């Protein structure tokens, strides 16, 4: 009789549990995972989709304190063996002045390259995810004032005391569609100027949201 292998059993269980899901790793342990989980519930409610079934389509994995993009990507690659039948693998992180110069720039660019080569979809906001949130409310794209300006629209939000977004406000009316359009315009502006897609200011968070919307409708 073959020897029972607990580690193999756990891997098999995870593979079955995550079959067909979007697996989303986030650099942040509060803002991004809280936003995404709340977004799933609120979007499902709006579209009259069963919330339990909607949640089951996604697995959101916070970085648990790791903030260096290269190490996050390495961790994903180490875990990837356990995710044979997942739908798509995402990594979400902020630029946070990492692409300016020196070792941080090298590590940042290497993380994007390594993720892309290994079919991990990179979702990056430059300078931070607060830009994506702010684009729900206004066209402007300040370089370093996103957090302070965001508090004008979300009084409960604070960059150190309470980093949770008010997702209900972000989904009122056509705010999310406006955010997508504004983010796409930033991307086009960077392209027109010969810059990389992640140049400041930019966020491709709309790509994750659009993919999640499509997944929710399946």
N, C-alpha and C. Protein backbone atom coordinates (compact mmCIF):
# COMPACT_ATOMS: atom_id res chain seq x y z
N UNK A 1 0.84 -1.20 0.00
CA UNK A 1 0.00 0.00 0.00
C UNK A 1 0.88 1.25 0.00
N UNK A 2 0.64 2.23 -0.93
CA UNK A 2 1.46 3.44 -0.96
C UNK A 2 1.29 4.25 0.31
N UNK A 3 2.38 4.87 0.73
CA UNK A 3 2.37 5.66 1.95
C UNK A 3 1.55 6.94 1.75
N UNK A 4 0.70 7.23 2.72
CA UNK A 4 -0.12 8.45 2.65
C UNK A 4 0.76 9.68 2.76
N UNK A 5 0.55 10.63 1.88
CA UNK A 5 1.37 11.84 1.84
C UNK A 5 0.48 13.05 2.11
N UNK A 6 0.60 13.62 3.32
CA UNK A 6 -0.26 14.74 3.71
C UNK A 6 -0.02 15.95 2.83
N UNK A 7 1.25 16.23 2.52
CA UNK A 7 1.58 17.39 1.68
C UNK A 7 0.94 17.26 0.31
N UNK A 8 1.01 16.04 -0.26
CA UNK A 8 0.40 15.83 -1.58
C UNK A 8 -1.11 15.98 -1.49
N UNK A 9 -1.69 15.48 -0.41
CA UNK A 9 -3.14 15.60 -0.21
C UNK A 9 -3.57 17.05 -0.15
N UNK A 10 -2.77 17.88 0.55
CA UNK A 10 -3.08 19.31 0.65
C UNK A 10 -2.99 19.98 -0.72
N UNK A 11 -1.96 19.61 -1.50
CA UNK A 11 -1.82 20.20 -2.84
C UNK A 11 -2.98 19.82 -3.73
N UNK A 12 -3.38 18.54 -3.67
CA UNK A 12 -4.50 18.08 -4.48
C UNK A 12 -5.78 18.79 -4.09
N UNK A 13 -5.98 18.96 -2.78
CA UNK A 13 -7.17 19.66 -2.29
C UNK A 13 -7.20 21.08 -2.79
N UNK A 14 -6.05 21.76 -2.75
CA UNK A 14 -5.99 23.15 -3.21
C UNK A 14 -6.27 23.23 -4.70
N UNK A 15 -5.71 22.29 -5.48
CA UNK A 15 -5.94 22.30 -6.92
C UNK A 15 -7.43 22.18 -7.22
N UNK A 16 -8.10 21.27 -6.52
CA UNK A 16 -9.54 21.10 -6.73
C UNK A 16 -10.30 22.33 -6.29
N UNK A 17 -9.88 22.93 -5.17
CA UNK A 17 -10.57 24.08 -4.62
C UNK A 17 -10.44 25.30 -5.53
N UNK A 18 -9.32 25.43 -6.23
CA UNK A 18 -9.05 26.62 -7.01
C UNK A 18 -9.27 26.43 -8.52
N UNK A 19 -9.80 25.28 -8.92
CA UNK A 19 -10.04 25.03 -10.33
C UNK A 19 -10.98 26.08 -10.90
N UNK A 20 -10.56 26.70 -12.00
CA UNK A 20 -11.40 27.66 -12.70
C UNK A 20 -11.48 29.03 -12.08
N UNK A 21 -10.71 29.29 -11.01
CA UNK A 21 -10.80 30.58 -10.33
C UNK A 21 -9.79 31.58 -10.88
N UNK A 22 -10.06 32.86 -10.60
CA UNK A 22 -9.04 33.89 -10.68
C UNK A 22 -8.30 33.88 -9.34
N UNK A 23 -7.00 33.76 -9.39
CA UNK A 23 -6.19 33.83 -8.18
C UNK A 23 -5.46 35.16 -8.20
N UNK A 24 -5.69 35.98 -7.19
CA UNK A 24 -5.20 37.36 -7.18
C UNK A 24 -4.33 37.58 -5.96
N UNK A 25 -3.05 37.76 -6.18
CA UNK A 25 -2.11 38.12 -5.10
C UNK A 25 -2.05 39.63 -5.00
N UNK A 26 -2.07 40.13 -3.77
CA UNK A 26 -1.98 41.58 -3.58
C UNK A 26 -0.80 41.92 -2.68
N UNK A 27 -0.10 43.00 -3.04
CA UNK A 27 0.98 43.50 -2.19
C UNK A 27 0.42 43.97 -0.86
N UNK A 28 -0.64 44.73 -0.90
CA UNK A 28 -1.24 45.26 0.32
C UNK A 28 -2.01 44.18 1.07
N UNK A 29 -2.06 44.33 2.37
CA UNK A 29 -2.80 43.37 3.19
C UNK A 29 -4.15 43.91 3.63
N UNK A 30 -4.41 45.21 3.35
CA UNK A 30 -5.68 45.81 3.75
C UNK A 30 -6.41 46.40 2.55
N UNK A 31 -5.84 47.45 1.97
CA UNK A 31 -6.58 48.23 0.96
C UNK A 31 -7.02 47.38 -0.22
N UNK A 32 -6.08 46.71 -0.89
CA UNK A 32 -6.44 45.96 -2.09
C UNK A 32 -7.34 44.76 -1.81
N UNK A 33 -6.99 43.88 -0.86
CA UNK A 33 -7.89 42.73 -0.63
C UNK A 33 -9.27 43.13 -0.11
N UNK A 34 -9.31 44.14 0.77
CA UNK A 34 -10.61 44.61 1.28
C UNK A 34 -11.44 45.20 0.15
N UNK A 35 -10.81 45.99 -0.70
CA UNK A 35 -11.51 46.59 -1.84
C UNK A 35 -12.06 45.50 -2.75
N UNK A 36 -11.24 44.53 -3.11
CA UNK A 36 -11.66 43.50 -4.05
C UNK A 36 -12.77 42.63 -3.49
N UNK A 37 -12.66 42.26 -2.22
CA UNK A 37 -13.71 41.42 -1.62
C UNK A 37 -15.03 42.17 -1.53
N UNK A 38 -14.95 43.44 -1.13
CA UNK A 38 -16.18 44.23 -1.04
C UNK A 38 -16.74 44.49 -2.42
N UNK A 39 -15.84 44.73 -3.39
CA UNK A 39 -16.29 44.95 -4.77
C UNK A 39 -17.08 43.75 -5.28
N UNK A 40 -16.60 42.55 -5.02
CA UNK A 40 -17.29 41.34 -5.47
C UNK A 40 -18.72 41.31 -4.91
N UNK A 41 -18.86 41.58 -3.62
CA UNK A 41 -20.18 41.55 -3.00
C UNK A 41 -21.09 42.64 -3.55
N UNK A 42 -20.56 43.85 -3.67
CA UNK A 42 -21.38 44.97 -4.13
C UNK A 42 -21.75 44.82 -5.61
N UNK A 43 -20.82 44.37 -6.43
CA UNK A 43 -21.11 44.19 -7.86
C UNK A 43 -22.15 43.07 -8.03
N UNK A 44 -21.98 41.98 -7.28
CA UNK A 44 -22.95 40.88 -7.35
C UNK A 44 -24.34 41.37 -6.96
N UNK A 45 -24.40 42.19 -5.92
CA UNK A 45 -25.68 42.73 -5.47
C UNK A 45 -26.32 43.57 -6.57
N UNK A 46 -25.52 44.43 -7.20
CA UNK A 46 -26.04 45.30 -8.26
C UNK A 46 -26.57 44.50 -9.44
N UNK A 47 -25.85 43.43 -9.80
CA UNK A 47 -26.20 42.65 -10.99
C UNK A 47 -27.09 41.46 -10.67
N UNK A 48 -27.52 41.39 -9.39
CA UNK A 48 -28.40 40.29 -8.96
C UNK A 48 -27.76 38.92 -9.21
N UNK A 49 -26.49 38.83 -8.86
CA UNK A 49 -25.72 37.58 -8.94
C UNK A 49 -25.59 37.02 -7.52
N UNK A 50 -25.73 35.72 -7.39
CA UNK A 50 -25.58 35.09 -6.09
C UNK A 50 -24.20 35.40 -5.52
N UNK A 51 -24.17 36.02 -4.32
CA UNK A 51 -22.90 36.47 -3.75
C UNK A 51 -21.97 35.32 -3.40
N UNK A 52 -22.53 34.23 -2.90
CA UNK A 52 -21.69 33.08 -2.54
C UNK A 52 -21.02 32.51 -3.78
N UNK A 53 -21.78 32.35 -4.85
CA UNK A 53 -21.21 31.84 -6.10
C UNK A 53 -20.20 32.82 -6.67
N UNK A 54 -20.48 34.11 -6.53
CA UNK A 54 -19.55 35.12 -7.04
C UNK A 54 -18.22 35.05 -6.30
N UNK A 55 -18.26 34.95 -4.98
CA UNK A 55 -17.02 34.87 -4.19
C UNK A 55 -16.21 33.65 -4.57
N UNK A 56 -16.89 32.56 -4.90
CA UNK A 56 -16.20 31.31 -5.19
C UNK A 56 -15.37 31.38 -6.47
N UNK A 57 -15.64 32.34 -7.31
CA UNK A 57 -14.91 32.47 -8.57
C UNK A 57 -13.52 33.07 -8.39
N UNK A 58 -13.24 33.60 -7.19
CA UNK A 58 -11.99 34.32 -6.96
C UNK A 58 -11.32 33.84 -5.68
N UNK A 59 -10.00 33.84 -5.71
CA UNK A 59 -9.23 33.63 -4.48
C UNK A 59 -8.26 34.80 -4.35
N UNK A 60 -8.41 35.57 -3.29
CA UNK A 60 -7.58 36.77 -3.08
C UNK A 60 -6.59 36.47 -1.98
N UNK A 61 -5.30 36.64 -2.28
CA UNK A 61 -4.24 36.26 -1.36
C UNK A 61 -3.39 37.47 -1.02
N UNK A 62 -3.57 38.07 0.16
CA UNK A 62 -2.71 39.18 0.58
C UNK A 62 -1.28 38.71 0.78
N UNK A 63 -0.34 39.66 0.71
CA UNK A 63 1.08 39.31 0.74
C UNK A 63 1.57 38.96 2.13
N UNK A 64 0.77 39.18 3.16
CA UNK A 64 1.15 38.88 4.54
C UNK A 64 2.45 39.57 4.95
N UNK A 65 2.54 40.85 4.65
CA UNK A 65 3.67 41.64 5.10
C UNK A 65 4.77 41.82 4.08
N UNK A 66 4.82 40.99 3.04
CA UNK A 66 5.84 41.15 2.00
C UNK A 66 5.43 42.27 1.05
N UNK A 67 6.32 43.24 0.84
CA UNK A 67 5.96 44.38 0.00
C UNK A 67 6.86 44.55 -1.22
N UNK A 68 7.93 43.78 -1.32
CA UNK A 68 8.85 43.93 -2.45
C UNK A 68 8.30 43.13 -3.63
N UNK A 69 7.98 43.80 -4.76
CA UNK A 69 7.33 43.11 -5.88
C UNK A 69 8.06 41.86 -6.36
N UNK A 70 9.40 41.92 -6.41
CA UNK A 70 10.15 40.76 -6.88
C UNK A 70 9.95 39.55 -6.00
N UNK A 71 9.94 39.75 -4.68
CA UNK A 71 9.74 38.64 -3.75
C UNK A 71 8.32 38.12 -3.81
N UNK A 72 7.36 39.03 -4.04
CA UNK A 72 5.97 38.60 -4.18
C UNK A 72 5.83 37.69 -5.39
N UNK A 73 6.45 38.08 -6.51
CA UNK A 73 6.40 37.26 -7.72
C UNK A 73 7.07 35.90 -7.48
N UNK A 74 8.20 35.90 -6.77
CA UNK A 74 8.87 34.64 -6.44
C UNK A 74 7.96 33.73 -5.62
N UNK A 75 7.27 34.32 -4.66
CA UNK A 75 6.33 33.53 -3.84
C UNK A 75 5.21 32.94 -4.68
N UNK A 76 4.73 33.73 -5.62
CA UNK A 76 3.66 33.23 -6.51
C UNK A 76 4.17 32.04 -7.32
N UNK A 77 5.38 32.17 -7.86
CA UNK A 77 5.94 31.08 -8.66
C UNK A 77 6.15 29.83 -7.83
N UNK A 78 6.52 30.00 -6.57
CA UNK A 78 6.67 28.84 -5.68
C UNK A 78 5.33 28.18 -5.42
N UNK A 79 4.27 29.00 -5.33
CA UNK A 79 2.92 28.47 -5.07
C UNK A 79 2.27 27.91 -6.33
N UNK A 80 2.75 28.35 -7.48
CA UNK A 80 2.05 28.07 -8.74
C UNK A 80 1.86 26.59 -8.99
N UNK A 81 2.75 25.77 -8.47
CA UNK A 81 2.63 24.32 -8.65
C UNK A 81 1.31 23.79 -8.07
N UNK A 82 0.79 24.53 -7.11
CA UNK A 82 -0.44 24.08 -6.45
C UNK A 82 -1.70 24.51 -7.19
N UNK A 83 -1.54 25.32 -8.24
CA UNK A 83 -2.69 25.88 -8.95
C UNK A 83 -2.73 25.38 -10.39
N UNK A 84 -3.03 24.11 -10.58
CA UNK A 84 -2.99 23.56 -11.93
C UNK A 84 -4.16 24.03 -12.79
N UNK A 85 -5.32 24.13 -12.20
CA UNK A 85 -6.53 24.34 -12.99
C UNK A 85 -7.16 25.72 -12.78
N UNK A 86 -6.35 26.68 -12.32
CA UNK A 86 -6.90 28.02 -12.14
C UNK A 86 -7.17 28.65 -13.50
N UNK A 87 -8.00 29.68 -13.51
CA UNK A 87 -8.32 30.39 -14.75
C UNK A 87 -7.21 31.36 -15.09
N UNK A 88 -6.97 32.34 -14.23
CA UNK A 88 -5.96 33.38 -14.48
C UNK A 88 -5.29 33.75 -13.17
N UNK A 89 -4.01 34.09 -13.26
CA UNK A 89 -3.22 34.46 -12.09
C UNK A 89 -2.83 35.93 -12.21
N UNK A 90 -3.15 36.72 -11.17
CA UNK A 90 -2.86 38.15 -11.16
C UNK A 90 -1.94 38.48 -9.99
N UNK A 91 -1.13 39.54 -10.17
CA UNK A 91 -0.42 40.12 -9.03
C UNK A 91 -0.69 41.62 -9.04
N UNK A 92 -1.03 42.17 -7.88
CA UNK A 92 -1.39 43.58 -7.75
C UNK A 92 -0.39 44.27 -6.83
N UNK A 93 0.28 45.29 -7.35
CA UNK A 93 1.16 46.08 -6.48
C UNK A 93 1.23 47.52 -6.97
N UNK A 94 1.77 48.38 -6.11
CA UNK A 94 1.95 49.80 -6.42
C UNK A 94 3.39 50.06 -6.84
N UNK A 95 3.57 51.12 -7.60
CA UNK A 95 4.93 51.54 -7.98
C UNK A 95 5.65 52.15 -6.79
N UNK A 96 5.00 53.03 -6.05
CA UNK A 96 5.55 53.58 -4.81
C UNK A 96 6.99 54.07 -4.94
N UNK A 97 7.26 54.82 -6.01
CA UNK A 97 8.59 55.41 -6.25
C UNK A 97 9.67 54.37 -6.53
N UNK A 98 9.28 53.14 -6.84
CA UNK A 98 10.27 52.09 -7.07
C UNK A 98 10.92 52.15 -8.45
N UNK A 99 10.28 52.82 -9.40
CA UNK A 99 10.80 52.82 -10.77
C UNK A 99 11.67 54.04 -11.07
N UNK A 100 12.05 54.79 -10.03
CA UNK A 100 12.78 56.04 -10.28
C UNK A 100 14.24 55.79 -10.57
N UNK A 101 14.93 55.06 -9.71
CA UNK A 101 16.36 54.85 -9.95
C UNK A 101 16.90 53.74 -9.04
N UNK A 102 18.12 53.30 -9.35
CA UNK A 102 18.86 52.40 -8.48
C UNK A 102 18.32 50.99 -8.39
N UNK A 103 18.64 50.34 -7.25
CA UNK A 103 18.29 48.94 -7.03
C UNK A 103 16.79 48.74 -7.04
N UNK A 104 16.04 49.68 -6.44
CA UNK A 104 14.59 49.54 -6.41
C UNK A 104 14.01 49.49 -7.82
N UNK A 105 14.55 50.32 -8.71
CA UNK A 105 14.07 50.33 -10.10
C UNK A 105 14.36 49.00 -10.77
N UNK A 106 15.57 48.49 -10.58
CA UNK A 106 15.94 47.20 -11.18
C UNK A 106 15.03 46.09 -10.68
N UNK A 107 14.81 46.04 -9.37
CA UNK A 107 13.94 45.02 -8.79
C UNK A 107 12.50 45.13 -9.30
N UNK A 108 12.03 46.38 -9.41
CA UNK A 108 10.66 46.63 -9.88
C UNK A 108 10.48 46.14 -11.31
N UNK A 109 11.41 46.52 -12.18
CA UNK A 109 11.31 46.12 -13.59
C UNK A 109 11.49 44.61 -13.75
N UNK A 110 12.39 44.02 -12.97
CA UNK A 110 12.59 42.58 -13.04
C UNK A 110 11.34 41.83 -12.59
N UNK A 111 10.64 42.38 -11.60
CA UNK A 111 9.42 41.73 -11.12
C UNK A 111 8.36 41.71 -12.22
N UNK A 112 8.19 42.83 -12.91
CA UNK A 112 7.22 42.89 -14.00
C UNK A 112 7.59 41.92 -15.11
N UNK A 113 8.88 41.90 -15.46
CA UNK A 113 9.34 41.01 -16.54
C UNK A 113 9.15 39.55 -16.17
N UNK A 114 9.54 39.18 -14.96
CA UNK A 114 9.43 37.79 -14.54
C UNK A 114 7.97 37.35 -14.48
N UNK A 115 7.11 38.21 -13.94
CA UNK A 115 5.69 37.87 -13.87
C UNK A 115 5.11 37.66 -15.27
N UNK A 116 5.42 38.59 -16.17
CA UNK A 116 4.89 38.51 -17.53
C UNK A 116 5.36 37.25 -18.25
N UNK A 117 6.63 36.90 -18.09
CA UNK A 117 7.18 35.70 -18.74
C UNK A 117 6.52 34.43 -18.23
N UNK A 118 6.00 34.49 -16.99
CA UNK A 118 5.39 33.32 -16.40
C UNK A 118 3.86 33.38 -16.39
N UNK A 119 3.34 34.18 -17.32
CA UNK A 119 1.88 34.27 -17.51
C UNK A 119 1.13 34.72 -16.26
N UNK A 120 1.78 35.62 -15.50
CA UNK A 120 1.12 36.26 -14.37
C UNK A 120 0.76 37.67 -14.81
N UNK A 121 -0.51 38.01 -14.77
CA UNK A 121 -0.95 39.32 -15.21
C UNK A 121 -0.63 40.37 -14.15
N UNK A 122 0.17 41.38 -14.52
CA UNK A 122 0.57 42.42 -13.58
C UNK A 122 -0.44 43.56 -13.59
N UNK A 123 -0.93 43.91 -12.40
CA UNK A 123 -1.79 45.06 -12.21
C UNK A 123 -1.02 46.04 -11.34
N UNK A 124 -0.66 47.18 -11.92
CA UNK A 124 0.21 48.12 -11.22
C UNK A 124 -0.37 49.53 -11.29
N UNK A 125 -0.37 50.20 -10.14
CA UNK A 125 -0.78 51.61 -10.08
C UNK A 125 0.44 52.45 -9.75
N UNK A 126 0.59 53.54 -10.48
CA UNK A 126 1.73 54.44 -10.30
C UNK A 126 1.22 55.85 -10.01
N UNK A 127 1.23 56.29 -8.78
CA UNK A 127 2.10 55.84 -7.73
C UNK A 127 1.45 54.80 -6.83
N UNK A 128 0.13 54.83 -6.68
CA UNK A 128 -0.53 53.91 -5.76
C UNK A 128 -1.96 53.65 -6.21
N UNK A 129 -2.58 52.65 -5.59
CA UNK A 129 -3.95 52.28 -5.91
C UNK A 129 -4.92 53.41 -5.61
N UNK A 130 -4.52 54.36 -4.75
CA UNK A 130 -5.38 55.50 -4.47
C UNK A 130 -5.70 56.29 -5.75
N UNK A 131 -4.80 56.23 -6.73
CA UNK A 131 -5.09 56.89 -8.01
C UNK A 131 -6.31 56.27 -8.66
N UNK A 132 -6.38 54.93 -8.67
CA UNK A 132 -7.54 54.24 -9.25
C UNK A 132 -8.82 54.66 -8.53
N UNK A 133 -8.77 54.72 -7.21
CA UNK A 133 -9.95 55.12 -6.46
C UNK A 133 -10.34 56.56 -6.79
N UNK A 134 -9.35 57.45 -6.86
CA UNK A 134 -9.63 58.86 -7.12
C UNK A 134 -10.24 59.08 -8.50
N UNK A 135 -9.85 58.27 -9.46
CA UNK A 135 -10.37 58.43 -10.82
C UNK A 135 -11.87 58.15 -10.91
N UNK A 136 -12.44 57.56 -9.88
CA UNK A 136 -13.90 57.38 -9.84
C UNK A 136 -14.61 58.71 -9.63
N UNK A 137 -13.88 59.71 -9.15
CA UNK A 137 -14.51 60.97 -8.75
C UNK A 137 -14.03 62.18 -9.55
N UNK A 138 -12.84 62.11 -10.13
CA UNK A 138 -12.35 63.27 -10.88
C UNK A 138 -11.35 62.85 -11.95
N UNK A 139 -11.21 63.72 -12.91
CA UNK A 139 -10.36 63.47 -14.07
C UNK A 139 -8.88 63.64 -13.76
N UNK A 140 -8.56 64.56 -12.87
CA UNK A 140 -7.16 64.91 -12.64
C UNK A 140 -6.37 63.73 -12.10
N UNK A 141 -5.07 63.76 -12.34
CA UNK A 141 -4.21 62.67 -11.91
C UNK A 141 -3.00 63.23 -11.18
N UNK A 142 -3.17 63.68 -9.94
CA UNK A 142 -2.05 64.25 -9.20
C UNK A 142 -0.99 63.19 -8.91
N UNK A 143 0.25 63.60 -8.88
CA UNK A 143 1.33 62.64 -8.68
C UNK A 143 1.40 62.17 -7.23
N UNK A 144 1.35 63.08 -6.29
CA UNK A 144 1.57 62.72 -4.89
C UNK A 144 0.42 63.11 -3.97
N UNK A 145 -0.72 63.54 -4.50
CA UNK A 145 -1.80 64.05 -3.66
C UNK A 145 -3.04 63.15 -3.67
N UNK A 146 -2.91 61.94 -4.18
CA UNK A 146 -4.09 61.09 -4.31
C UNK A 146 -4.76 60.81 -2.97
N UNK A 147 -3.97 60.48 -1.97
CA UNK A 147 -4.55 60.13 -0.68
C UNK A 147 -5.29 61.29 -0.05
N UNK A 148 -4.67 62.47 -0.06
CA UNK A 148 -5.31 63.64 0.55
C UNK A 148 -6.56 64.05 -0.24
N UNK A 149 -6.50 63.95 -1.57
CA UNK A 149 -7.66 64.32 -2.38
C UNK A 149 -8.78 63.29 -2.24
N UNK A 150 -8.40 62.04 -2.07
CA UNK A 150 -9.40 60.98 -1.95
C UNK A 150 -10.25 61.17 -0.70
N UNK A 151 -9.65 61.69 0.35
CA UNK A 151 -10.40 61.89 1.59
C UNK A 151 -11.50 62.94 1.43
N UNK A 152 -11.41 63.77 0.37
CA UNK A 152 -12.50 64.72 0.10
C UNK A 152 -13.78 64.00 -0.31
N UNK A 153 -13.61 62.83 -0.93
CA UNK A 153 -14.76 62.06 -1.41
C UNK A 153 -15.13 60.93 -0.46
N UNK A 154 -14.14 60.47 0.31
CA UNK A 154 -14.36 59.41 1.29
C UNK A 154 -13.84 59.91 2.64
N UNK A 155 -14.63 60.64 3.40
CA UNK A 155 -14.16 61.21 4.66
C UNK A 155 -13.64 60.16 5.65
N UNK A 156 -14.14 58.92 5.55
CA UNK A 156 -13.71 57.89 6.48
C UNK A 156 -12.32 57.37 6.14
N UNK A 157 -11.92 57.55 4.89
CA UNK A 157 -10.62 57.04 4.45
C UNK A 157 -9.49 57.88 5.04
N UNK A 158 -8.43 57.21 5.48
CA UNK A 158 -7.22 57.90 5.93
C UNK A 158 -6.02 57.03 5.57
N UNK A 159 -4.96 57.59 4.98
CA UNK A 159 -3.84 56.77 4.50
C UNK A 159 -3.11 55.97 5.57
N UNK A 160 -3.26 56.35 6.84
CA UNK A 160 -2.60 55.58 7.90
C UNK A 160 -3.59 54.96 8.88
N UNK A 161 -4.69 55.64 9.17
CA UNK A 161 -5.63 55.15 10.18
C UNK A 161 -6.71 54.23 9.61
N UNK A 162 -7.13 54.49 8.40
CA UNK A 162 -8.18 53.67 7.79
C UNK A 162 -8.00 53.66 6.28
N UNK A 163 -7.37 52.62 5.76
CA UNK A 163 -7.03 52.56 4.34
C UNK A 163 -8.09 51.85 3.51
N UNK A 164 -9.27 51.66 4.09
CA UNK A 164 -10.34 50.97 3.36
C UNK A 164 -11.13 51.96 2.51
N UNK A 165 -11.38 51.58 1.27
CA UNK A 165 -12.16 52.41 0.37
C UNK A 165 -13.65 52.22 0.63
N UNK A 166 -14.42 53.25 0.33
CA UNK A 166 -15.88 53.16 0.38
C UNK A 166 -16.34 52.68 -1.00
N UNK A 167 -16.44 51.38 -1.15
CA UNK A 167 -16.74 50.79 -2.46
C UNK A 167 -18.13 51.16 -2.94
N UNK A 168 -19.07 51.31 -2.03
CA UNK A 168 -20.42 51.69 -2.44
C UNK A 168 -20.40 53.03 -3.17
N UNK A 169 -19.64 53.99 -2.66
CA UNK A 169 -19.53 55.29 -3.32
C UNK A 169 -18.86 55.17 -4.68
N UNK A 170 -17.91 54.24 -4.79
CA UNK A 170 -17.19 54.06 -6.05
C UNK A 170 -18.07 53.41 -7.12
N UNK A 171 -19.14 52.75 -6.69
CA UNK A 171 -20.02 52.06 -7.64
C UNK A 171 -21.34 52.79 -7.89
N UNK A 172 -21.48 53.97 -7.31
CA UNK A 172 -22.71 54.74 -7.53
C UNK A 172 -22.75 55.23 -8.98
N UNK A 173 -23.92 55.07 -9.60
CA UNK A 173 -24.10 55.59 -10.96
C UNK A 173 -23.08 55.00 -11.92
N UNK A 174 -22.44 55.90 -12.70
CA UNK A 174 -21.46 55.43 -13.69
C UNK A 174 -20.02 55.73 -13.27
N UNK A 175 -19.79 55.90 -11.97
CA UNK A 175 -18.46 56.27 -11.49
C UNK A 175 -17.38 55.27 -11.92
N UNK A 176 -17.69 53.99 -11.84
CA UNK A 176 -16.68 53.00 -12.22
C UNK A 176 -16.35 53.07 -13.70
N UNK A 177 -17.36 53.28 -14.53
CA UNK A 177 -17.11 53.40 -15.97
C UNK A 177 -16.26 54.64 -16.27
N UNK A 178 -16.53 55.73 -15.54
CA UNK A 178 -15.71 56.93 -15.71
C UNK A 178 -14.27 56.66 -15.30
N UNK A 179 -14.08 55.93 -14.21
CA UNK A 179 -12.73 55.60 -13.76
C UNK A 179 -11.99 54.80 -14.83
N UNK A 180 -12.68 53.85 -15.44
CA UNK A 180 -12.06 53.06 -16.51
C UNK A 180 -11.63 53.96 -17.67
N UNK A 181 -12.53 54.82 -18.09
CA UNK A 181 -12.24 55.71 -19.22
C UNK A 181 -11.05 56.61 -18.90
N UNK A 182 -11.01 57.15 -17.70
CA UNK A 182 -9.93 58.05 -17.30
C UNK A 182 -8.60 57.32 -17.23
N UNK A 183 -8.62 56.10 -16.68
CA UNK A 183 -7.39 55.31 -16.60
C UNK A 183 -6.89 54.95 -18.00
N UNK A 184 -7.81 54.64 -18.90
CA UNK A 184 -7.42 54.31 -20.27
C UNK A 184 -6.83 55.52 -20.97
N UNK A 185 -7.35 56.71 -20.67
CA UNK A 185 -6.79 57.93 -21.26
C UNK A 185 -5.36 58.17 -20.77
N UNK A 186 -5.12 57.91 -19.49
CA UNK A 186 -3.77 58.04 -18.96
C UNK A 186 -2.83 57.08 -19.67
N UNK A 187 -3.30 55.86 -19.88
CA UNK A 187 -2.48 54.86 -20.58
C UNK A 187 -2.17 55.30 -22.01
N UNK A 188 -3.18 55.86 -22.69
CA UNK A 188 -2.98 56.32 -24.05
C UNK A 188 -2.03 57.51 -24.10
N UNK A 189 -2.14 58.39 -23.12
CA UNK A 189 -1.22 59.54 -23.05
C UNK A 189 0.23 59.06 -22.90
N UNK A 190 0.43 58.07 -22.04
CA UNK A 190 1.78 57.53 -21.87
C UNK A 190 2.28 56.90 -23.16
N UNK A 191 1.39 56.18 -23.84
CA UNK A 191 1.76 55.54 -25.10
C UNK A 191 2.11 56.59 -26.15
N UNK A 192 1.31 57.64 -26.22
CA UNK A 192 1.55 58.70 -27.20
C UNK A 192 2.89 59.40 -26.97
N UNK A 193 3.33 59.43 -25.71
CA UNK A 193 4.59 60.06 -25.36
C UNK A 193 5.76 59.08 -25.38
N UNK A 194 5.50 57.86 -25.84
CA UNK A 194 6.55 56.86 -25.92
C UNK A 194 6.98 56.28 -24.59
N UNK A 195 6.10 56.38 -23.59
CA UNK A 195 6.42 55.88 -22.26
C UNK A 195 5.89 54.46 -22.07
N UNK A 196 6.38 53.80 -21.02
CA UNK A 196 5.87 52.48 -20.67
C UNK A 196 4.46 52.60 -20.08
N UNK A 197 3.72 51.51 -20.13
CA UNK A 197 2.32 51.54 -19.66
C UNK A 197 2.24 51.86 -18.17
N UNK A 198 3.30 51.58 -17.42
CA UNK A 198 3.26 51.81 -15.98
C UNK A 198 3.89 53.14 -15.59
N UNK A 199 4.17 54.01 -16.56
CA UNK A 199 4.75 55.31 -16.24
C UNK A 199 3.75 56.15 -15.45
N UNK A 200 4.27 57.04 -14.64
CA UNK A 200 3.43 57.89 -13.79
C UNK A 200 2.85 59.05 -14.57
N UNK A 201 1.58 59.39 -14.35
CA UNK A 201 0.60 58.67 -13.55
C UNK A 201 -0.09 57.59 -14.38
N UNK A 202 -0.37 56.47 -13.78
CA UNK A 202 -1.05 55.40 -14.51
C UNK A 202 -1.60 54.36 -13.55
N UNK A 203 -2.59 53.64 -14.01
CA UNK A 203 -3.09 52.46 -13.31
C UNK A 203 -3.83 51.59 -14.33
N UNK A 204 -3.49 50.33 -14.35
CA UNK A 204 -4.25 49.41 -15.20
C UNK A 204 -5.19 48.54 -14.37
N UNK A 205 -5.61 49.08 -13.22
CA UNK A 205 -6.55 48.33 -12.37
C UNK A 205 -7.86 48.05 -13.11
N UNK A 206 -8.17 48.88 -14.09
CA UNK A 206 -9.39 48.66 -14.87
C UNK A 206 -9.34 47.31 -15.59
N UNK A 207 -8.13 46.83 -15.93
CA UNK A 207 -8.02 45.55 -16.62
C UNK A 207 -8.46 44.41 -15.70
N UNK A 208 -8.09 44.51 -14.44
CA UNK A 208 -8.53 43.50 -13.47
C UNK A 208 -10.03 43.58 -13.26
N UNK A 209 -10.56 44.79 -13.11
CA UNK A 209 -11.99 44.96 -12.88
C UNK A 209 -12.80 44.44 -14.07
N UNK A 210 -12.37 44.76 -15.28
CA UNK A 210 -13.09 44.29 -16.46
C UNK A 210 -13.03 42.77 -16.56
N UNK A 211 -11.88 42.17 -16.23
CA UNK A 211 -11.77 40.71 -16.25
C UNK A 211 -12.67 40.08 -15.19
N UNK A 212 -12.74 40.71 -14.02
CA UNK A 212 -13.59 40.19 -12.94
C UNK A 212 -15.07 40.33 -13.30
N UNK A 213 -15.44 41.43 -13.94
CA UNK A 213 -16.83 41.60 -14.38
C UNK A 213 -17.23 40.47 -15.33
N UNK A 214 -16.34 40.18 -16.26
CA UNK A 214 -16.61 39.11 -17.24
C UNK A 214 -16.72 37.76 -16.54
N UNK A 215 -15.83 37.54 -15.58
CA UNK A 215 -15.85 36.27 -14.84
C UNK A 215 -17.13 36.13 -14.03
N UNK A 216 -17.61 37.24 -13.48
CA UNK A 216 -18.83 37.21 -12.69
C UNK A 216 -20.04 36.80 -13.51
N UNK A 217 -20.01 37.12 -14.79
CA UNK A 217 -21.16 36.84 -15.65
C UNK A 217 -21.17 35.40 -16.17
N UNK A 218 -20.10 34.66 -15.94
CA UNK A 218 -20.04 33.27 -16.43
C UNK A 218 -20.99 32.37 -15.68
